Amino acid sequence: MRKALIQLHLSVFLAGFTGILGKLIDLNEGLLVWYRMGITALSLWPLFYFQGALRKISPRQIAAIGGNGIIIALHWLFFYGSIKYANVSIAVVCFSLTSMFTAIFEPIILRRRPDVVEMALSALTLAGILLIFHFDAQYRTGIILGIISAACCALFTINNKILLRHNDSRTITLYELTVGALVLTAAMPLYLHAFPVASIWPTTMDWIYLLILSWACTIVMYLLSMSALMKISAFTVNLTFNLEPVYSIIMAFILFHENKELNASFYIGLGCIILSVVLQMARVSAESRRERLGAAH
């Protein structure tokens, strides 16, 4: 359990850079996600081949895994859209609603009773979000996109928990990103028709940021989080990822001076979100200790 928690928090730290990179990259959200998924998928195929990690799976499994790849593509589209229409701080804090959506979706999908503690912690996170929503109307579109992104992320994590029962994390990651990239490629002409741009080709700095985003903040981050998911519940993973705003917001303050755009309610709301994570981590640690004591006796 300890190793899984370390992997989880390291993946959260890497995830904290994604919002910053999304702000730095000049491409719109559609092109940004298309390049991210494409670069990542093209990097994983030779990497896993030389590692002997490529696994043949059935068409039915490809469809199930690929469907989840489409969900993560939508999550990223709405997440980066939230950054473009609002700012990094708003987008990453809206992402904290993932734990609330998980507490709602997981009992339905996995057919189990709702966890009262999970619902209470989700309510605390929601309270933090409501406090933060005391902003001008200019952030409304970004907030809506951020909420949709959180719902997609919750579905993605729960589905991954199910997929891990029959597939290893590398196979899942590879096919999710590959199918997601292919679907985006097919949809990109329509997307660019609806949201036209002057150029689809990244600048030199955009390429550098995209490579960091694809390799460190996607491949390494997802492999770590998937490994942790084998030992930890989807709710705990999503709730812990609520720490992502802390890293992103600190960097956004330093790089973009977004602290000048935020008021006291933002910081109080962020405190509620952090408190929900601390309480869940204390709960997980206590359960782990009880399991070890039970095994010893």
Protein backbone atom coordinates (compact mmCIF):
# COMPACT_ATOMS: atom_id res chain seq x y z
CA MET A 1 0.00 0.00 0.00
CA ARG A 2 2.83 2.42 0.85
CA LYS A 3 4.50 1.92 -2.55
CA ALA A 4 1.17 2.48 -4.29
CA LEU A 5 0.61 5.74 -2.40
CA ILE A 6 4.10 6.96 -3.34
CA GLN A 7 3.43 6.13 -7.00
CA LEU A 8 0.09 7.88 -6.80
CA HIS A 9 1.48 11.11 -5.34
CA LEU A 10 4.36 11.17 -7.84
CA SER A 11 1.87 10.85 -10.69
CA VAL A 12 -0.16 13.71 -9.18
CA PHE A 13 2.97 15.87 -9.05
CA LEU A 14 3.60 15.22 -12.76
CA ALA A 15 -0.06 15.89 -13.53
CA GLY A 16 0.31 19.29 -11.91
CA PHE A 17 2.45 20.42 -14.85
CA THR A 18 -0.19 19.64 -17.47
CA GLY A 19 -2.22 22.77 -16.82
CA ILE A 20 0.87 24.97 -17.00
CA LEU A 21 1.93 23.39 -20.29
CA GLY A 22 -1.61 23.81 -21.62
CA LYS A 23 -1.35 27.52 -20.94
CA LEU A 24 2.13 27.80 -22.49
CA ILE A 25 1.21 25.96 -25.71
CA ASP A 26 -0.32 28.35 -28.27
CA LEU A 27 -2.38 25.67 -30.05
CA ASN A 28 -6.13 25.48 -29.37
CA GLU A 29 -7.41 22.67 -27.16
CA GLY A 30 -8.32 20.36 -30.07
CA LEU A 31 -4.91 20.48 -31.73
CA LEU A 32 -3.14 20.33 -28.38
CA VAL A 33 -4.86 17.08 -27.40
CA TRP A 34 -4.43 15.64 -30.91
CA TYR A 35 -0.66 16.23 -30.84
CA ARG A 36 -0.40 15.01 -27.24
CA MET A 37 -2.16 11.72 -27.91
CA GLY A 38 -0.43 11.22 -31.25
CA ILE A 39 3.09 11.81 -29.93
CA THR A 40 2.42 9.62 -26.90
CA ALA A 41 0.97 6.72 -28.88
CA LEU A 42 3.77 6.83 -31.46
CA SER A 43 6.32 6.82 -28.63
CA LEU A 44 4.74 3.92 -26.75
CA TRP A 45 4.62 1.42 -29.64
CA PRO A 46 8.43 1.16 -30.17
CA LEU A 47 9.10 1.53 -26.43
CA PHE A 48 6.85 -1.39 -25.49
CA TYR A 49 8.09 -3.42 -28.47
CA PHE A 50 11.71 -3.28 -27.34
CA GLN A 51 10.64 -3.95 -23.75
CA GLY A 52 8.69 -7.02 -24.89
CA ALA A 53 5.56 -5.49 -23.37
CA LEU A 54 3.30 -5.62 -26.44
CA ARG A 55 0.34 -7.96 -25.89
CA LYS A 56 -2.19 -9.23 -28.41
CA ILE A 57 -5.76 -8.68 -27.30
CA SER A 58 -9.13 -9.53 -28.83
CA PRO A 59 -11.18 -7.07 -30.92
CA ARG A 60 -13.70 -6.96 -28.07
CA GLN A 61 -11.00 -5.91 -25.62
CA ILE A 62 -9.70 -3.31 -28.08
CA ALA A 63 -13.22 -1.87 -28.33
CA ALA A 64 -13.61 -1.69 -24.53
CA ILE A 65 -10.19 -0.15 -23.98
CA GLY A 66 -10.53 2.14 -27.00
CA GLY A 67 -13.87 3.40 -25.74
CA ASN A 68 -12.14 4.53 -22.58
CA GLY A 69 -9.49 6.17 -24.76
CA ILE A 70 -12.21 8.31 -26.32
CA ILE A 71 -13.35 9.32 -22.83
CA ILE A 72 -9.84 10.46 -21.83
CA ALA A 73 -9.60 12.40 -25.10
CA LEU A 74 -12.85 14.20 -24.20
CA HIS A 75 -11.55 14.82 -20.68
CA TRP A 76 -8.44 16.52 -22.06
CA LEU A 77 -10.42 18.51 -24.64
CA PHE A 78 -12.70 19.98 -21.98
CA PHE A 79 -9.83 20.45 -19.51
CA TYR A 80 -7.67 22.45 -21.92
CA GLY A 81 -10.75 24.25 -23.17
CA SER A 82 -11.36 25.33 -19.58
CA ILE A 83 -7.81 26.70 -19.40
CA LYS A 84 -8.19 28.60 -22.68
CA TYR A 85 -11.58 30.11 -21.71
CA ALA A 86 -10.68 30.83 -18.07
CA ASN A 87 -7.22 30.19 -16.61
CA VAL A 88 -5.10 27.41 -15.10
CA SER A 89 -6.33 27.95 -11.54
CA ILE A 90 -10.02 27.71 -12.48
CA ALA A 91 -9.51 24.64 -14.69
CA VAL A 92 -7.52 22.60 -12.17
CA VAL A 93 -9.84 23.43 -9.28
CA CYS A 94 -12.88 22.34 -11.32
CA PHE A 95 -10.97 19.10 -11.86
CA SER A 96 -11.38 18.49 -8.10
CA LEU A 97 -15.03 17.64 -8.72
CA THR A 98 -13.77 14.33 -10.14
CA SER A 99 -13.99 12.78 -6.66
CA MET A 100 -17.63 13.81 -6.33
CA PHE A 101 -18.52 12.34 -9.73
CA THR A 102 -16.62 9.17 -8.80
CA ALA A 103 -18.58 8.81 -5.56
CA ILE A 104 -21.77 9.05 -7.64
CA PHE A 105 -20.77 6.95 -10.68
CA GLU A 106 -18.76 4.16 -9.01
CA PRO A 107 -21.63 2.62 -6.98
CA ILE A 108 -23.81 2.63 -10.11
CA ILE A 109 -21.20 1.13 -12.45
CA LEU A 110 -19.75 -1.38 -9.96
CA ARG A 111 -23.15 -2.13 -8.43
CA ARG A 112 -22.25 -1.53 -4.82
CA ARG A 113 -23.73 0.56 -2.05
CA PRO A 114 -22.67 4.21 -1.87
CA ASP A 115 -19.96 4.91 0.70
CA VAL A 116 -21.22 7.44 3.24
CA VAL A 117 -17.70 8.69 4.01
CA GLU A 118 -16.93 9.14 0.31
CA MET A 119 -20.12 11.16 -0.14
CA ALA A 120 -19.25 13.32 2.87
CA LEU A 121 -15.75 14.00 1.56
CA SER A 122 -17.21 14.78 -1.86
CA ALA A 123 -19.60 17.24 -0.23
CA LEU A 124 -16.58 18.97 1.33
CA THR A 125 -14.95 19.20 -2.08
CA LEU A 126 -18.18 20.54 -3.59
CA ALA A 127 -18.37 23.18 -0.86
CA GLY A 128 -14.88 24.29 -1.83
CA ILE A 129 -15.87 24.50 -5.49
CA LEU A 130 -19.00 26.55 -4.69
CA LEU A 131 -16.88 29.02 -2.73
CA ILE A 132 -14.47 29.33 -5.62
CA PHE A 133 -17.28 29.97 -8.11
CA HIS A 134 -17.72 33.51 -6.79
CA PHE A 135 -16.06 34.93 -9.90
CA ASP A 136 -17.08 37.23 -12.71
CA ALA A 137 -19.24 35.95 -15.55
CA GLN A 138 -16.17 35.86 -17.82
CA TYR A 139 -15.18 32.55 -16.20
CA ARG A 140 -18.57 30.88 -16.70
CA THR A 141 -17.68 29.01 -19.91
CA GLY A 142 -14.36 27.84 -18.48
CA ILE A 143 -16.07 26.58 -15.33
CA ILE A 144 -18.69 24.62 -17.29
CA LEU A 145 -15.99 23.02 -19.45
CA GLY A 146 -14.00 22.18 -16.31
CA ILE A 147 -16.98 20.44 -14.69
CA ILE A 148 -17.61 18.32 -17.80
CA SER A 149 -13.91 17.45 -17.83
CA ALA A 150 -14.14 16.23 -14.22
CA ALA A 151 -17.11 13.99 -15.03
CA CYS A 152 -15.21 12.43 -17.96
CA CYS A 153 -12.16 11.83 -15.78
CA ALA A 154 -14.26 10.05 -13.16
CA LEU A 155 -15.71 7.69 -15.77
CA PHE A 156 -12.23 7.10 -17.21
CA THR A 157 -10.72 6.08 -13.85
CA ILE A 158 -13.61 3.80 -12.90
CA ASN A 159 -13.45 2.07 -16.29
CA ASN A 160 -9.69 1.62 -15.90
CA LYS A 161 -10.28 -0.12 -12.57
CA ILE A 162 -12.52 -2.59 -14.39
CA LEU A 163 -10.14 -3.02 -17.34
CA LEU A 164 -7.23 -3.81 -15.01
CA ARG A 165 -8.98 -7.03 -13.97
CA HIS A 166 -8.13 -8.63 -17.31
CA ASN A 167 -5.33 -6.48 -18.80
CA ASP A 168 -2.01 -5.04 -17.65
CA SER A 169 -1.59 -1.28 -17.30
CA ARG A 170 0.78 -0.92 -20.27
CA THR A 171 -1.60 -2.63 -22.68
CA ILE A 172 -4.48 -0.48 -21.48
CA THR A 173 -2.50 2.75 -21.75
CA LEU A 174 -1.21 1.87 -25.23
CA TYR A 175 -4.60 1.04 -26.76
CA GLU A 176 -6.44 3.87 -25.00
CA LEU A 177 -4.06 6.49 -26.37
CA THR A 178 -3.84 4.88 -29.81
CA VAL A 179 -7.59 4.63 -30.32
CA GLY A 180 -8.08 8.10 -28.84
CA ALA A 181 -5.52 9.54 -31.26
CA LEU A 182 -7.11 7.77 -34.26
CA VAL A 183 -10.60 9.01 -33.36
CA LEU A 184 -9.31 12.56 -32.94
CA THR A 185 -7.54 12.31 -36.30
CA ALA A 186 -10.83 11.37 -37.96
CA ALA A 187 -12.69 14.14 -36.14
CA MET A 188 -10.08 16.87 -36.59
CA PRO A 189 -11.29 18.17 -40.02
CA LEU A 190 -14.75 18.80 -38.55
CA TYR A 191 -13.25 20.29 -35.39
CA LEU A 192 -11.05 22.71 -37.33
CA HIS A 193 -14.02 23.64 -39.52
CA ALA A 194 -15.97 24.59 -36.39
CA PHE A 195 -12.97 26.23 -34.70
CA PRO A 196 -10.68 27.48 -37.50
CA VAL A 197 -7.05 28.41 -36.79
CA ALA A 198 -4.36 30.27 -38.73
CA SER A 199 -1.92 27.36 -38.56
CA ILE A 200 -2.04 23.77 -37.29
CA TRP A 201 1.76 23.48 -37.07
CA PRO A 202 3.32 24.01 -33.60
CA THR A 203 6.10 26.53 -33.03
CA THR A 204 9.53 25.39 -31.86
CA MET A 205 8.65 26.09 -28.22
CA ASP A 206 5.28 24.36 -28.66
CA TRP A 207 7.13 21.22 -29.82
CA ILE A 208 9.31 21.28 -26.70
CA TYR A 209 6.29 21.70 -24.43
CA LEU A 210 4.36 18.99 -26.31
CA LEU A 211 7.21 16.50 -25.87
CA ILE A 212 7.38 17.20 -22.13
CA LEU A 213 3.59 16.92 -21.93
CA SER A 214 3.54 13.66 -23.90
CA TRP A 215 6.48 11.85 -22.32
CA ALA A 216 6.74 12.99 -18.70
CA CYS A 217 3.20 14.17 -17.98
CA THR A 218 1.43 11.43 -19.94
CA ILE A 219 3.46 8.23 -20.28
CA VAL A 220 5.25 8.30 -16.94
CA MET A 221 2.29 9.82 -15.08
CA TYR A 222 -0.27 7.32 -16.37
CA LEU A 223 1.89 4.27 -15.83
CA LEU A 224 2.43 5.34 -12.22
CA SER A 225 -1.25 6.06 -11.61
CA MET A 226 -2.37 2.81 -13.26
CA SER A 227 0.07 0.84 -11.11
CA ALA A 228 -1.29 2.55 -7.99
CA LEU A 229 -4.86 1.84 -9.12
CA MET A 230 -4.18 -1.89 -8.81
CA LYS A 231 -3.87 -1.45 -5.02
CA ILE A 232 -6.01 1.61 -4.31
CA SER A 233 -9.67 2.37 -5.01
CA ALA A 234 -10.70 4.61 -7.91
CA PHE A 235 -12.23 7.05 -5.44
CA THR A 236 -8.96 7.40 -3.51
CA VAL A 237 -7.00 7.89 -6.75
CA ASN A 238 -9.36 10.59 -7.98
CA LEU A 239 -9.53 12.29 -4.59
CA THR A 240 -5.75 12.34 -4.31
CA PHE A 241 -5.56 13.91 -7.74
CA ASN A 242 -7.34 16.84 -6.13
CA LEU A 243 -3.85 17.82 -5.00
CA GLU A 244 -3.09 18.57 -8.64
CA PRO A 245 -4.55 22.09 -8.28
CA VAL A 246 -2.08 22.84 -5.49
CA TYR A 247 0.93 22.22 -7.72
CA SER A 248 -0.64 23.87 -10.76
CA ILE A 249 -1.87 26.91 -8.88
CA ILE A 250 1.49 27.55 -7.23
CA MET A 251 3.20 27.40 -10.63
CA ALA A 252 0.45 29.54 -12.21
CA PHE A 253 0.99 32.17 -9.51
CA ILE A 254 4.72 32.23 -10.20
CA LEU A 255 4.62 32.08 -14.00
CA PHE A 256 1.38 33.87 -14.90
CA HIS A 257 0.63 35.92 -11.74
CA GLU A 258 -2.89 34.50 -11.58
CA ASN A 259 -3.04 35.32 -7.86
CA LYS A 260 -3.97 38.87 -8.91
CA GLU A 261 -7.20 37.48 -10.43
CA LEU A 262 -8.32 35.50 -7.35
CA ASN A 263 -10.06 36.53 -4.14
CA ALA A 264 -10.39 35.21 -0.56
CA SER A 265 -13.20 32.77 -1.40
CA PHE A 266 -10.84 31.01 -3.80
CA TYR A 267 -8.33 30.28 -1.05
CA ILE A 268 -11.00 29.17 1.44
CA GLY A 269 -12.45 26.81 -1.17
CA LEU A 270 -9.03 25.45 -1.99
CA GLY A 271 -8.53 24.80 1.75
CA CYS A 272 -11.72 22.69 1.81
CA ILE A 273 -10.46 20.64 -1.13
CA ILE A 274 -7.07 20.03 0.49
CA LEU A 275 -8.79 19.05 3.75
CA SER A 276 -10.88 16.42 1.92
CA VAL A 277 -7.69 14.88 0.51
CA VAL A 278 -5.95 14.86 3.90
CA LEU A 279 -8.94 13.16 5.55
CA GLN A 280 -9.13 10.49 2.85
CA MET A 281 -5.40 9.81 3.08
CA ALA A 282 -5.73 9.44 6.86
CA ARG A 283 -8.62 7.05 6.30
CA VAL A 284 -6.64 4.94 3.81
CA SER A 285 -3.63 4.82 6.14
CA ALA A 286 -5.79 3.73 9.07
CA GLU A 287 -7.39 0.96 6.99
CA SER A 288 -3.93 -0.19 5.86
CA ARG A 289 -2.72 -0.39 9.48
CA ARG A 290 -5.77 -2.40 10.49
CA GLU A 291 -5.16 -4.82 7.60
CA ARG A 292 -1.53 -5.30 8.67
CA LEU A 293 -2.52 -5.86 12.30
CA GLY A 294 -5.20 -8.32 11.23
CA ALA A 295 -2.70 -10.23 9.09
CA ALA A 296 -0.21 -10.33 11.98
CA HIS A 297 -2.79 -11.92 14.28
